């Protein structure tokens, strides 16, 4: 079955960096668009970034453009989110998502807390 396992979250100071990973299994990873979402307390889940199957096309939310970079390693069936220049408002649970057969699959999420 489809499994998505995020890791790499933690506590970081403003201006710091983190790299999140999402290890995928149970589906054809190399032919799948992968996405990162986040949900802050009291807010709706929002799209952060997405990446095409071969990695050539990437899309970002305006709020993270120039600071976050999405990438993937199809050999390792893993998608990454490099987050630089973190801000307080980046605090959230970060999730990866894949859609297969019109069904959305989500990981369990990883907490990112930006605090001084």
PDB file of N, CA and C in Angstrom:
ATOM      1  N   UNK A   1       0.838  -1.182   0.000  1.00  0.00           N
ATOM      2  CA  UNK A   1       0.000   0.000   0.000  1.00  0.00           C
ATOM      3  C   UNK A   1       0.884   1.248   0.000  1.00  0.00           C
ATOM      4  N   UNK A   2       0.275   2.371  -0.341  1.00  0.00           N
ATOM      5  CA  UNK A   2       1.018   3.620  -0.393  1.00  0.00           C
ATOM      6  C   UNK A   2       1.443   4.033   1.013  1.00  0.00           C
ATOM      7  N   UNK A   3       2.716   4.346   1.149  1.00  0.00           N
ATOM      8  CA  UNK A   3       3.224   4.865   2.414  1.00  0.00           C
ATOM      9  C   UNK A   3       4.101   6.076   2.144  1.00  0.00           C
ATOM     10  N   UNK A   4       3.895   7.092   2.942  1.00  0.00           N
ATOM     11  CA  UNK A   4       4.704   8.309   2.901  1.00  0.00           C
ATOM     12  C   UNK A   4       5.162   8.598   4.324  1.00  0.00           C
ATOM     13  N   UNK A   5       6.460   8.707   4.507  1.00  0.00           N
ATOM     14  CA  UNK A   5       7.002   8.922   5.842  1.00  0.00           C
ATOM     15  C   UNK A   5       7.907  10.155   5.823  1.00  0.00           C
ATOM     16  N   UNK A   6       7.450  11.207   6.496  1.00  0.00           N
ATOM     17  CA  UNK A   6       8.232  12.438   6.573  1.00  0.00           C
ATOM     18  C   UNK A   6       9.193  12.388   7.749  1.00  0.00           C
ATOM     19  N   UNK A   7      10.300  13.114   7.595  1.00  0.00           N
ATOM     20  CA  UNK A   7      11.269  13.256   8.679  1.00  0.00           C
ATOM     21  C   UNK A   7      12.048  14.543   8.470  1.00  0.00           C
ATOM     22  N   UNK A   8      12.801  14.924   9.491  1.00  0.00           N
ATOM     23  CA  UNK A   8      13.679  16.081   9.364  1.00  0.00           C
ATOM     24  C   UNK A   8      13.198  17.341  10.050  1.00  0.00           C
ATOM     25  N   UNK A   9      11.993  17.305  10.603  1.00  0.00           N
ATOM     26  CA  UNK A   9      11.504  18.490  11.294  1.00  0.00           C
ATOM     27  C   UNK A   9      12.246  18.719  12.602  1.00  0.00           C
ATOM     28  N   UNK A  10      11.953  19.853  13.228  1.00  0.00           N
ATOM     29  CA  UNK A  10      12.589  20.161  14.494  1.00  0.00           C
ATOM     30  C   UNK A  10      12.411  21.609  14.868  1.00  0.00           C
ATOM     31  N   UNK A  11      13.183  22.017  15.863  1.00  0.00           N
ATOM     32  CA  UNK A  11      13.159  23.391  16.355  1.00  0.00           C
ATOM     33  C   UNK A  11      14.347  24.138  15.776  1.00  0.00           C
ATOM     34  N   UNK A  12      14.089  25.297  15.209  1.00  0.00           N
ATOM     35  CA  UNK A  12      15.150  26.069  14.585  1.00  0.00           C
ATOM     36  C   UNK A  12      14.903  27.553  14.850  1.00  0.00           C
ATOM     37  N   UNK A  13      15.968  28.312  14.907  1.00  0.00           N
ATOM     38  CA  UNK A  13      15.839  29.755  15.125  1.00  0.00           C
ATOM     39  C   UNK A  13      15.490  30.463  13.820  1.00  0.00           C
ATOM     40  N   UNK A  14      14.884  31.620  13.911  1.00  0.00           N
ATOM     41  CA  UNK A  14      14.629  32.401  12.685  1.00  0.00           C
ATOM     42  C   UNK A  14      15.917  32.614  11.905  1.00  0.00           C
ATOM     43  N   UNK A  15      15.804  32.452  10.589  1.00  0.00           N
ATOM     44  CA  UNK A  15      16.974  32.557   9.733  1.00  0.00           C
ATOM     45  C   UNK A  15      17.695  31.253   9.510  1.00  0.00           C
ATOM     46  N   UNK A  16      17.306  30.231  10.251  1.00  0.00           N
ATOM     47  CA  UNK A  16      17.958  28.936  10.133  1.00  0.00           C
ATOM     48  C   UNK A  16      17.424  28.116   8.972  1.00  0.00           C
ATOM     49  N   UNK A  17      17.938  26.898   8.884  1.00  0.00           N
ATOM     50  CA  UNK A  17      17.592  26.007   7.783  1.00  0.00           C
ATOM     51  C   UNK A  17      17.241  24.616   8.292  1.00  0.00           C
ATOM     52  N   UNK A  18      16.426  23.930   7.510  1.00  0.00           N
ATOM     53  CA  UNK A  18      16.110  22.525   7.741  1.00  0.00           C
ATOM     54  C   UNK A  18      15.916  21.857   6.386  1.00  0.00           C
ATOM     55  N   UNK A  19      16.139  20.556   6.367  1.00  0.00           N
ATOM     56  CA  UNK A  19      15.791  19.784   5.183  1.00  0.00           C
ATOM     57  C   UNK A  19      14.851  18.665   5.582  1.00  0.00           C
ATOM     58  N   UNK A  20      13.670  18.683   5.005  1.00  0.00           N
ATOM     59  CA  UNK A  20      12.692  17.635   5.237  1.00  0.00           C
ATOM     60  C   UNK A  20      12.824  16.564   4.169  1.00  0.00           C
ATOM     61  N   UNK A  21      12.524  15.338   4.565  1.00  0.00           N
ATOM     62  CA  UNK A  21      12.515  14.214   3.636  1.00  0.00           C
ATOM     63  C   UNK A  21      11.171  13.516   3.712  1.00  0.00           C
ATOM     64  N   UNK A  22      10.773  12.946   2.599  1.00  0.00           N
ATOM     65  CA  UNK A  22       9.557  12.135   2.550  1.00  0.00           C
ATOM     66  C   UNK A  22       9.904  10.866   1.783  1.00  0.00           C
ATOM     67  N   UNK A  23       9.988   9.766   2.515  1.00  0.00           N
ATOM     68  CA  UNK A  23      10.293   8.468   1.910  1.00  0.00           C
ATOM     69  C   UNK A  23       8.993   7.817   1.464  1.00  0.00           C
ATOM     70  N   UNK A  24       8.939   7.440   0.209  1.00  0.00           N
ATOM     71  CA  UNK A  24       7.705   6.916  -0.372  1.00  0.00           C
ATOM     72  C   UNK A  24       7.864   5.446  -0.749  1.00  0.00           C
ATOM     73  N   UNK A  25       6.758   4.719  -0.692  1.00  0.00           N
ATOM     74  CA  UNK A  25       6.756   3.319  -1.119  1.00  0.00           C
ATOM     75  C   UNK A  25       5.335   2.913  -1.479  1.00  0.00           C
ATOM     76  N   UNK A  26       5.228   1.814  -2.205  1.00  0.00           N
ATOM     77  CA  UNK A  26       3.914   1.261  -2.518  1.00  0.00           C
ATOM     78  C   UNK A  26       3.272   1.790  -3.778  1.00  0.00           C
ATOM     79  N   UNK A  27       3.995   2.593  -4.546  1.00  0.00           N
ATOM     80  CA  UNK A  27       3.455   3.097  -5.813  1.00  0.00           C
ATOM     81  C   UNK A  27       4.629   3.471  -6.707  1.00  0.00           C
ATOM     82  N   UNK A  28       4.296   3.788  -7.970  1.00  0.00           N
ATOM     83  CA  UNK A  28       5.329   4.121  -8.938  1.00  0.00           C
ATOM     84  C   UNK A  28       5.776   5.559  -8.735  1.00  0.00           C
ATOM     85  N   UNK A  29       6.768   5.712  -7.884  1.00  0.00           N
ATOM     86  CA  UNK A  29       7.219   7.038  -7.466  1.00  0.00           C
ATOM     87  C   UNK A  29       7.688   7.879  -8.650  1.00  0.00           C
ATOM     88  N   UNK A  30       8.452   7.285  -9.548  1.00  0.00           N
ATOM     89  CA  UNK A  30       9.081   8.060 -10.620  1.00  0.00           C
ATOM     90  C   UNK A  30       8.099   8.614 -11.635  1.00  0.00           C
ATOM     91  N   UNK A  31       6.835   8.207 -11.567  1.00  0.00           N
ATOM     92  CA  UNK A  31       5.831   8.738 -12.476  1.00  0.00           C
ATOM     93  C   UNK A  31       4.806   9.605 -11.755  1.00  0.00           C
ATOM     94  N   UNK A  32       5.116   9.975 -10.521  1.00  0.00           N
ATOM     95  CA  UNK A  32       4.151  10.680  -9.684  1.00  0.00           C
ATOM     96  C   UNK A  32       4.588  12.099  -9.349  1.00  0.00           C
ATOM     97  N   UNK A  33       3.634  13.031  -9.456  1.00  0.00           N
ATOM     98  CA  UNK A  33       3.846  14.376  -8.919  1.00  0.00           C
ATOM     99  C   UNK A  33       3.815  14.268  -7.397  1.00  0.00           C
ATOM    100  N   UNK A  34       4.762  14.906  -6.755  1.00  0.00           N
ATOM    101  CA  UNK A  34       4.821  14.905  -5.294  1.00  0.00           C
ATOM    102  C   UNK A  34       4.657  16.334  -4.790  1.00  0.00           C
ATOM    103  N   UNK A  35       3.994  16.459  -3.662  1.00  0.00           N
ATOM    104  CA  UNK A  35       3.712  17.788  -3.121  1.00  0.00           C
ATOM    105  C   UNK A  35       4.033  17.838  -1.633  1.00  0.00           C
ATOM    106  N   UNK A  36       4.402  19.036  -1.196  1.00  0.00           N
ATOM    107  CA  UNK A  36       4.554  19.335   0.223  1.00  0.00           C
ATOM    108  C   UNK A  36       3.467  20.331   0.619  1.00  0.00           C
ATOM    109  N   UNK A  37       2.826  20.054   1.720  1.00  0.00           N
ATOM    110  CA  UNK A  37       1.837  20.940   2.311  1.00  0.00           C
ATOM    111  C   UNK A  37       2.264  21.243   3.745  1.00  0.00           C
ATOM    112  N   UNK A  38       1.638  22.245   4.314  1.00  0.00           N
ATOM    113  CA  UNK A  38       1.836  22.523   5.727  1.00  0.00           C
ATOM    114  C   UNK A  38       0.537  23.008   6.350  1.00  0.00           C
ATOM    115  N   UNK A  39       0.452  22.803   7.652  1.00  0.00           N
ATOM    116  CA  UNK A  39      -0.714  23.271   8.395  1.00  0.00           C
ATOM    117  C   UNK A  39      -0.253  23.852   9.712  1.00  0.00           C
ATOM    118  N   UNK A  40      -0.515  25.132   9.861  1.00  0.00           N
ATOM    119  CA  UNK A  40      -0.190  25.831  11.105  1.00  0.00           C
ATOM    120  C   UNK A  40      -1.387  25.759  12.047  1.00  0.00           C
ATOM    121  N   UNK A  41      -1.173  25.916  13.338  1.00  0.00           N
ATOM    122  CA  UNK A  41      -2.285  25.846  14.298  1.00  0.00           C
ATOM    123  C   UNK A  41      -3.385  26.840  13.943  1.00  0.00           C
ATOM    124  N   UNK A  42      -4.613  26.345  13.876  1.00  0.00           N
ATOM    125  CA  UNK A  42      -5.750  27.211  13.612  1.00  0.00           C
ATOM    126  C   UNK A  42      -5.919  27.635  12.169  1.00  0.00           C
ATOM    127  N   UNK A  43      -5.080  27.084  11.293  1.00  0.00           N
ATOM    128  CA  UNK A  43      -5.156  27.462   9.882  1.00  0.00           C
ATOM    129  C   UNK A  43      -5.417  26.237   9.019  1.00  0.00           C
ATOM    130  N   UNK A  44      -5.849  26.508   7.796  1.00  0.00           N
ATOM    131  CA  UNK A  44      -6.074  25.420   6.856  1.00  0.00           C
ATOM    132  C   UNK A  44      -4.747  24.919   6.290  1.00  0.00           C
ATOM    133  N   UNK A  45      -4.768  23.681   5.864  1.00  0.00           N
ATOM    134  CA  UNK A  45      -3.587  23.123   5.220  1.00  0.00           C
ATOM    135  C   UNK A  45      -3.359  23.842   3.887  1.00  0.00           C
ATOM    136  N   UNK A  46      -2.098  24.173   3.598  1.00  0.00           N
ATOM    137  CA  UNK A  46      -1.799  24.904   2.374  1.00  0.00           C
ATOM    138  C   UNK A  46      -0.672  24.245   1.600  1.00  0.00           C
ATOM    139  N   UNK A  47      -0.733  24.402   0.288  1.00  0.00           N
ATOM    140  CA  UNK A  47       0.313  23.865  -0.578  1.00  0.00           C
ATOM    141  C   UNK A  47       1.572  24.709  -0.440  1.00  0.00           C
ATOM    142  N   UNK A  48       2.690  24.044  -0.252  1.00  0.00           N
ATOM    143  CA  UNK A  48       3.978  24.728  -0.139  1.00  0.00           C
ATOM    144  C   UNK A  48       4.757  24.605  -1.442  1.00  0.00           C
ATOM    145  N   UNK A  49       4.852  23.391  -1.965  1.00  0.00           N
ATOM    146  CA  UNK A  49       5.631  23.167  -3.174  1.00  0.00           C
ATOM    147  C   UNK A  49       5.217  21.852  -3.806  1.00  0.00           C
ATOM    148  N   UNK A  50       5.423  21.774  -5.120  1.00  0.00           N
ATOM    149  CA  UNK A  50       5.192  20.515  -5.821  1.00  0.00           C
ATOM    150  C   UNK A  50       6.285  20.324  -6.856  1.00  0.00           C
ATOM    151  N   UNK A  51       6.468  19.069  -7.253  1.00  0.00           N
ATOM    152  CA  UNK A  51       7.527  18.744  -8.202  1.00  0.00           C
ATOM    153  C   UNK A  51       7.028  17.670  -9.153  1.00  0.00           C
ATOM    154  N   UNK A  52       7.349  17.848 -10.431  1.00  0.00           N
ATOM    155  CA  UNK A  52       6.914  16.900 -11.455  1.00  0.00           C
ATOM    156  C   UNK A  52       7.693  15.593 -11.343  1.00  0.00           C
ATOM    157  N   UNK A  53       7.236  14.547 -12.025  1.00  0.00           N
ATOM    158  CA  UNK A  53       7.872  13.235 -11.876  1.00  0.00           C
ATOM    159  C   UNK A  53       9.372  13.207 -12.148  1.00  0.00           C
ATOM    160  N   UNK A  54       9.816  13.920 -13.178  1.00  0.00           N
ATOM    161  CA  UNK A  54      11.250  13.918 -13.489  1.00  0.00           C
ATOM    162  C   UNK A  54      11.994  15.051 -12.790  1.00  0.00           C
ATOM    163  N   UNK A  55      11.245  15.889 -12.091  1.00  0.00           N
ATOM    164  CA  UNK A  55      11.872  16.979 -11.346  1.00  0.00           C
ATOM    165  C   UNK A  55      12.099  18.250 -12.139  1.00  0.00           C
ATOM    166  N   UNK A  56      11.643  18.281 -13.383  1.00  0.00           N
ATOM    167  CA  UNK A  56      11.916  19.444 -14.229  1.00  0.00           C
ATOM    168  C   UNK A  56      11.039  20.635 -13.881  1.00  0.00           C
ATOM    169  N   UNK A  57       9.845  20.373 -13.396  1.00  0.00           N
ATOM    170  CA  UNK A  57       8.914  21.464 -13.081  1.00  0.00           C
ATOM    171  C   UNK A  57       8.654  21.506 -11.582  1.00  0.00           C
ATOM    172  N   UNK A  58       8.772  22.693 -11.047  1.00  0.00           N
ATOM    173  CA  UNK A  58       8.558  22.906  -9.617  1.00  0.00           C
ATOM    174  C   UNK A  58       7.671  24.116  -9.429  1.00  0.00           C
ATOM    175  N   UNK A  59       6.796  24.032  -8.481  1.00  0.00           N
ATOM    176  CA  UNK A  59       5.928  25.153  -8.150  1.00  0.00           C
ATOM    177  C   UNK A  59       6.015  25.434  -6.662  1.00  0.00           C
ATOM    178  N   UNK A  60       5.919  26.707  -6.327  1.00  0.00           N
ATOM    179  CA  UNK A  60       6.043  27.123  -4.923  1.00  0.00           C
ATOM    180  C   UNK A  60       4.953  28.113  -4.558  1.00  0.00           C
ATOM    181  N   UNK A  61       4.554  28.062  -3.308  1.00  0.00           N
ATOM    182  CA  UNK A  61       3.706  29.116  -2.772  1.00  0.00           C
ATOM    183  C   UNK A  61       4.500  30.413  -2.751  1.00  0.00           C
ATOM    184  N   UNK A  62       3.797  31.517  -2.962  1.00  0.00           N
ATOM    185  CA  UNK A  62       4.487  32.813  -2.971  1.00  0.00           C
ATOM    186  C   UNK A  62       5.240  33.058  -1.666  1.00  0.00           C
ATOM    187  N   UNK A  63       4.700  32.564  -0.586  1.00  0.00           N
ATOM    188  CA  UNK A  63       5.287  32.834   0.729  1.00  0.00           C
ATOM    189  C   UNK A  63       6.646  32.154   0.941  1.00  0.00           C
ATOM    190  N   UNK A  64       6.978  31.165   0.108  1.00  0.00           N
ATOM    191  CA  UNK A  64       8.241  30.443   0.303  1.00  0.00           C
ATOM    192  C   UNK A  64       9.192  30.581  -0.879  1.00  0.00           C
ATOM    193  N   UNK A  65       8.754  31.239  -1.945  1.00  0.00           N
ATOM    194  CA  UNK A  65       9.614  31.387  -3.120  1.00  0.00           C
ATOM    195  C   UNK A  65      10.924  32.083  -2.760  1.00  0.00           C
ATOM    196  N   UNK A  66      12.014  31.520  -3.268  1.00  0.00           N
ATOM    197  CA  UNK A  66      13.329  32.073  -2.993  1.00  0.00           C
ATOM    198  C   UNK A  66      13.939  31.581  -1.700  1.00  0.00           C
ATOM    199  N   UNK A  67      13.161  30.893  -0.870  1.00  0.00           N
ATOM    200  CA  UNK A  67      13.671  30.380   0.408  1.00  0.00           C
ATOM    201  C   UNK A  67      13.643  28.851   0.464  1.00  0.00           C
ATOM    202  N   UNK A  68      12.635  28.246  -0.127  1.00  0.00           N
ATOM    203  CA  UNK A  68      12.468  26.797  -0.093  1.00  0.00           C
ATOM    204  C   UNK A  68      12.791  26.208  -1.460  1.00  0.00           C
ATOM    205  N   UNK A  69      13.325  24.992  -1.443  1.00  0.00           N
ATOM    206  CA  UNK A  69      13.615  24.273  -2.682  1.00  0.00           C
ATOM    207  C   UNK A  69      13.127  22.833  -2.555  1.00  0.00           C
ATOM    208  N   UNK A  70      12.307  22.427  -3.504  1.00  0.00           N
ATOM    209  CA  UNK A  70      11.826  21.048  -3.527  1.00  0.00           C
ATOM    210  C   UNK A  70      12.688  20.270  -4.517  1.00  0.00           C
ATOM    211  N   UNK A  71      13.001  19.029  -4.171  1.00  0.00           N
ATOM    212  CA  UNK A  71      13.798  18.162  -5.048  1.00  0.00           C
ATOM    213  C   UNK A  71      13.376  16.725  -4.804  1.00  0.00           C
ATOM    214  N   UNK A  72      13.870  15.846  -5.652  1.00  0.00           N
ATOM    215  CA  UNK A  72      13.526  14.448  -5.495  1.00  0.00           C
ATOM    216  C   UNK A  72      14.666  13.578  -5.987  1.00  0.00           C
ATOM    217  N   UNK A  73      14.698  12.365  -5.451  1.00  0.00           N
ATOM    218  CA  UNK A  73      15.641  11.344  -5.883  1.00  0.00           C
ATOM    219  C   UNK A  73      14.801  10.119  -6.223  1.00  0.00           C
ATOM    220  N   UNK A  74      14.558   9.906  -7.492  1.00  0.00           N
ATOM    221  CA  UNK A  74      13.687   8.798  -7.887  1.00  0.00           C
ATOM    222  C   UNK A  74      14.306   7.436  -7.578  1.00  0.00           C
ATOM    223  N   UNK A  75      15.617   7.360  -7.568  1.00  0.00           N
ATOM    224  CA  UNK A  75      16.266   6.091  -7.221  1.00  0.00           C
ATOM    225  C   UNK A  75      16.026   5.731  -5.757  1.00  0.00           C
ATOM    226  N   UNK A  76      15.921   6.741  -4.924  1.00  0.00           N
ATOM    227  CA  UNK A  76      15.668   6.520  -3.494  1.00  0.00           C
ATOM    228  C   UNK A  76      14.195   6.675  -3.133  1.00  0.00           C
ATOM    229  N   UNK A  77      13.366   6.946  -4.101  1.00  0.00           N
ATOM    230  CA  UNK A  77      11.922   7.204  -3.909  1.00  0.00           C
ATOM    231  C   UNK A  77      11.693   8.159  -2.734  1.00  0.00           C
ATOM    232  N   UNK A  78      12.399   9.269  -2.788  1.00  0.00           N
ATOM    233  CA  UNK A  78      12.328  10.252  -1.706  1.00  0.00           C
ATOM    234  C   UNK A  78      12.205  11.655  -2.302  1.00  0.00           C
ATOM    235  N   UNK A  79      11.365  12.445  -1.681  1.00  0.00           N
ATOM    236  CA  UNK A  79      11.240  13.856  -2.047  1.00  0.00           C
ATOM    237  C   UNK A  79      11.713  14.692  -0.870  1.00  0.00           C
ATOM    238  N   UNK A  80      12.339  15.807  -1.175  1.00  0.00           N
ATOM    239  CA  UNK A  80      12.947  16.655  -0.149  1.00  0.00           C
ATOM    240  C   UNK A  80      12.369  18.058  -0.207  1.00  0.00           C
ATOM    241  N   UNK A  81      12.473  18.737   0.913  1.00  0.00           N
ATOM    242  CA  UNK A  81      12.135  20.161   0.963  1.00  0.00           C
ATOM    243  C   UNK A  81      13.231  20.849   1.757  1.00  0.00           C
ATOM    244  N   UNK A  82      14.050  21.583   1.074  1.00  0.00           N
ATOM    245  CA  UNK A  82      15.093  22.365   1.719  1.00  0.00           C
ATOM    246  C   UNK A  82      14.501  23.723   2.067  1.00  0.00           C
ATOM    247  N   UNK A  83      14.588  24.085   3.330  1.00  0.00           N
ATOM    248  CA  UNK A  83      13.992  25.318   3.812  1.00  0.00           C
ATOM    249  C   UNK A  83      15.090  26.205   4.396  1.00  0.00           C
ATOM    250  N   UNK A  84      15.303  27.328   3.760  1.00  0.00           N
ATOM    251  CA  UNK A  84      16.297  28.297   4.225  1.00  0.00           C
ATOM    252  C   UNK A  84      15.605  29.569   4.703  1.00  0.00           C
ATOM    253  N   UNK A  85      16.349  30.380   5.423  1.00  0.00           N
ATOM    254  CA  UNK A  85      15.833  31.669   5.908  1.00  0.00           C
ATOM    255  C   UNK A  85      14.469  31.498   6.564  1.00  0.00           C
ATOM    256  N   UNK A  86      14.365  30.545   7.441  1.00  0.00           N
ATOM    257  CA  UNK A  86      13.084  30.249   8.063  1.00  0.00           C
ATOM    258  C   UNK A  86      12.580  31.415   8.889  1.00  0.00           C
ATOM    259  N   UNK A  87      11.255  31.575   8.856  1.00  0.00           N
ATOM    260  CA  UNK A  87      10.591  32.646   9.576  1.00  0.00           C
ATOM    261  C   UNK A  87       9.647  32.041  10.623  1.00  0.00           C
ATOM    262  N   UNK A  88       9.269  32.887  11.568  1.00  0.00           N
ATOM    263  CA  UNK A  88       8.338  32.420  12.598  1.00  0.00           C
ATOM    264  C   UNK A  88       7.069  31.838  11.973  1.00  0.00           C
ATOM    265  N   UNK A  89       6.623  32.465  10.902  1.00  0.00           N
ATOM    266  CA  UNK A  89       5.367  32.035  10.276  1.00  0.00           C
ATOM    267  C   UNK A  89       5.492  30.738   9.477  1.00  0.00           C
ATOM    268  N   UNK A  90       6.691  30.186   9.395  1.00  0.00           N
ATOM    269  CA  UNK A  90       6.856  28.876   8.770  1.00  0.00           C
ATOM    270  C   UNK A  90       6.554  27.731   9.745  1.00  0.00           C
ATOM    271  N   UNK A  91       6.328  28.062  10.993  1.00  0.00           N
ATOM    272  CA  UNK A  91       5.990  27.049  11.982  1.00  0.00           C
ATOM    273  C   UNK A  91       4.710  26.325  11.582  1.00  0.00           C
ATOM    274  N   UNK A  92       4.791  25.008  11.478  1.00  0.00           N
ATOM    275  CA  UNK A  92       3.647  24.209  11.028  1.00  0.00           C
ATOM    276  C   UNK A  92       4.035  22.739  11.046  1.00  0.00           C
ATOM    277  N   UNK A  93       3.030  21.912  10.848  1.00  0.00           N
ATOM    278  CA  UNK A  93       3.290  20.507  10.541  1.00  0.00           C
ATOM    279  C   UNK A  93       3.366  20.399   9.025  1.00  0.00           C
ATOM    280  N   UNK A  94       4.426  19.779   8.548  1.00  0.00           N
ATOM    281  CA  UNK A  94       4.650  19.640   7.110  1.00  0.00           C
ATOM    282  C   UNK A  94       4.334  18.212   6.681  1.00  0.00           C
ATOM    283  N   UNK A  95       3.576  18.124   5.593  1.00  0.00           N
ATOM    284  CA  UNK A  95       3.128  16.839   5.069  1.00  0.00           C
ATOM    285  C   UNK A  95       3.540  16.684   3.605  1.00  0.00           C
ATOM    286  N   UNK A  96       3.812  15.473   3.192  1.00  0.00           N
ATOM    287  CA  UNK A  96       3.923  15.221   1.763  1.00  0.00           C
ATOM    288  C   UNK A  96       2.676  14.469   1.306  1.00  0.00           C
ATOM    289  N   UNK A  97       2.396  14.640   0.025  1.00  0.00           N
ATOM    290  CA  UNK A  97       1.173  14.092  -0.534  1.00  0.00           C
ATOM    291  C   UNK A  97       1.410  13.584  -1.937  1.00  0.00           C
ATOM    292  N   UNK A  98       0.699  12.499  -2.256  1.00  0.00           N
ATOM    293  CA  UNK A  98       0.650  12.007  -3.622  1.00  0.00           C
ATOM    294  C   UNK A  98      -0.798  11.656  -3.939  1.00  0.00           C
ATOM    295  N   UNK A  99      -1.167  11.832  -5.195  1.00  0.00           N
ATOM    296  CA  UNK A  99      -2.508  11.477  -5.644  1.00  0.00           C
ATOM    297  C   UNK A  99      -2.374  10.326  -6.637  1.00  0.00           C
ATOM    298  N   UNK A 100      -3.025   9.241  -6.334  1.00  0.00           N
ATOM    299  CA  UNK A 100      -3.012   8.080  -7.224  1.00  0.00           C
ATOM    300  C   UNK A 100      -4.445   7.612  -7.426  1.00  0.00           C
ATOM    301  N   UNK A 101      -4.850   7.584  -8.668  1.00  0.00           N
ATOM    302  CA  UNK A 101      -6.204   7.141  -8.962  1.00  0.00           C
ATOM    303  C   UNK A 101      -7.266   7.998  -8.302  1.00  0.00           C
ATOM    304  N   UNK A 102      -7.026   9.288  -8.253  1.00  0.00           N
ATOM    305  CA  UNK A 102      -7.928  10.278  -7.640  1.00  0.00           C
ATOM    306  C   UNK A 102      -8.012  10.151  -6.123  1.00  0.00           C
ATOM    307  N   UNK A 103      -7.184   9.328  -5.542  1.00  0.00           N
ATOM    308  CA  UNK A 103      -7.146   9.196  -4.086  1.00  0.00           C
ATOM    309  C   UNK A 103      -5.914   9.924  -3.578  1.00  0.00           C
ATOM    310  N   UNK A 104      -6.106  10.734  -2.546  1.00  0.00           N
ATOM    311  CA  UNK A 104      -4.995  11.462  -1.944  1.00  0.00           C
ATOM    312  C   UNK A 104      -4.394  10.626  -0.818  1.00  0.00           C
ATOM    313  N   UNK A 105      -3.080  10.543  -0.820  1.00  0.00           N
ATOM    314  CA  UNK A 105      -2.357   9.859   0.244  1.00  0.00           C
ATOM    315  C   UNK A 105      -1.446  10.863   0.926  1.00  0.00           C
ATOM    316  N   UNK A 106      -1.471  10.828   2.256  1.00  0.00           N
ATOM    317  CA  UNK A 106      -0.699  11.771   3.058  1.00  0.00           C
ATOM    318  C   UNK A 106       0.213  11.020   4.020  1.00  0.00           C
ATOM    319  N   UNK A 107       1.325  11.638   4.310  1.00  0.00           N
ATOM    320  CA  UNK A 107       2.153  11.127   5.379  1.00  0.00           C
ATOM    321  C   UNK A 107       1.612  11.578   6.726  1.00  0.00           C
ATOM    322  N   UNK A 108       2.333  11.210   7.781  1.00  0.00           N
ATOM    323  CA  UNK A 108       1.874  11.550   9.130  1.00  0.00           C
ATOM    324  C   UNK A 108       2.288  12.961   9.536  1.00  0.00           C
ATOM    325  N   UNK A 109       3.183  13.545   8.774  1.00  0.00           N
ATOM    326  CA  UNK A 109       3.623  14.907   9.040  1.00  0.00           C
ATOM    327  C   UNK A 109       4.852  14.976   9.927  1.00  0.00           C
ATOM    328  N   UNK A 110       5.570  16.082   9.811  1.00  0.00           N
ATOM    329  CA  UNK A 110       6.719  16.350  10.669  1.00  0.00           C
ATOM    330  C   UNK A 110       6.634  17.802  11.134  1.00  0.00           C
ATOM    331  N   UNK A 111       6.839  18.012  12.416  1.00  0.00           N
ATOM    332  CA  UNK A 111       6.677  19.344  13.007  1.00  0.00           C
ATOM    333  C   UNK A 111       7.913  20.201  12.762  1.00  0.00           C
ATOM    334  N   UNK A 112       7.679  21.395  12.271  1.00  0.00           N
ATOM    335  CA  UNK A 112       8.730  22.405  12.145  1.00  0.00           C
ATOM    336  C   UNK A 112       8.336  23.580  13.032  1.00  0.00           C
ATOM    337  N   UNK A 113       9.207  23.914  13.957  1.00  0.00           N
ATOM    338  CA  UNK A 113       8.961  25.038  14.857  1.00  0.00           C
ATOM    339  C   UNK A 113      10.094  26.034  14.719  1.00  0.00           C
ATOM    340  N   UNK A 114       9.736  27.249  14.339  1.00  0.00           N
ATOM    341  CA  UNK A 114      10.712  28.320  14.211  1.00  0.00           C
ATOM    342  C   UNK A 114      10.495  29.268  15.385  1.00  0.00           C
ATOM    343  N   UNK A 115      11.500  29.357  16.228  1.00  0.00           N
ATOM    344  CA  UNK A 115      11.352  30.154  17.448  1.00  0.00           C
ATOM    345  C   UNK A 115      12.717  30.610  17.931  1.00  0.00           C
ATOM    346  N   UNK A 116      12.725  31.801  18.501  1.00  0.00           N
ATOM    347  CA  UNK A 116      13.957  32.315  19.085  1.00  0.00           C
ATOM    348  C   UNK A 116      14.011  32.000  20.577  1.00  0.00           C
TER     349      UNK A 116
END
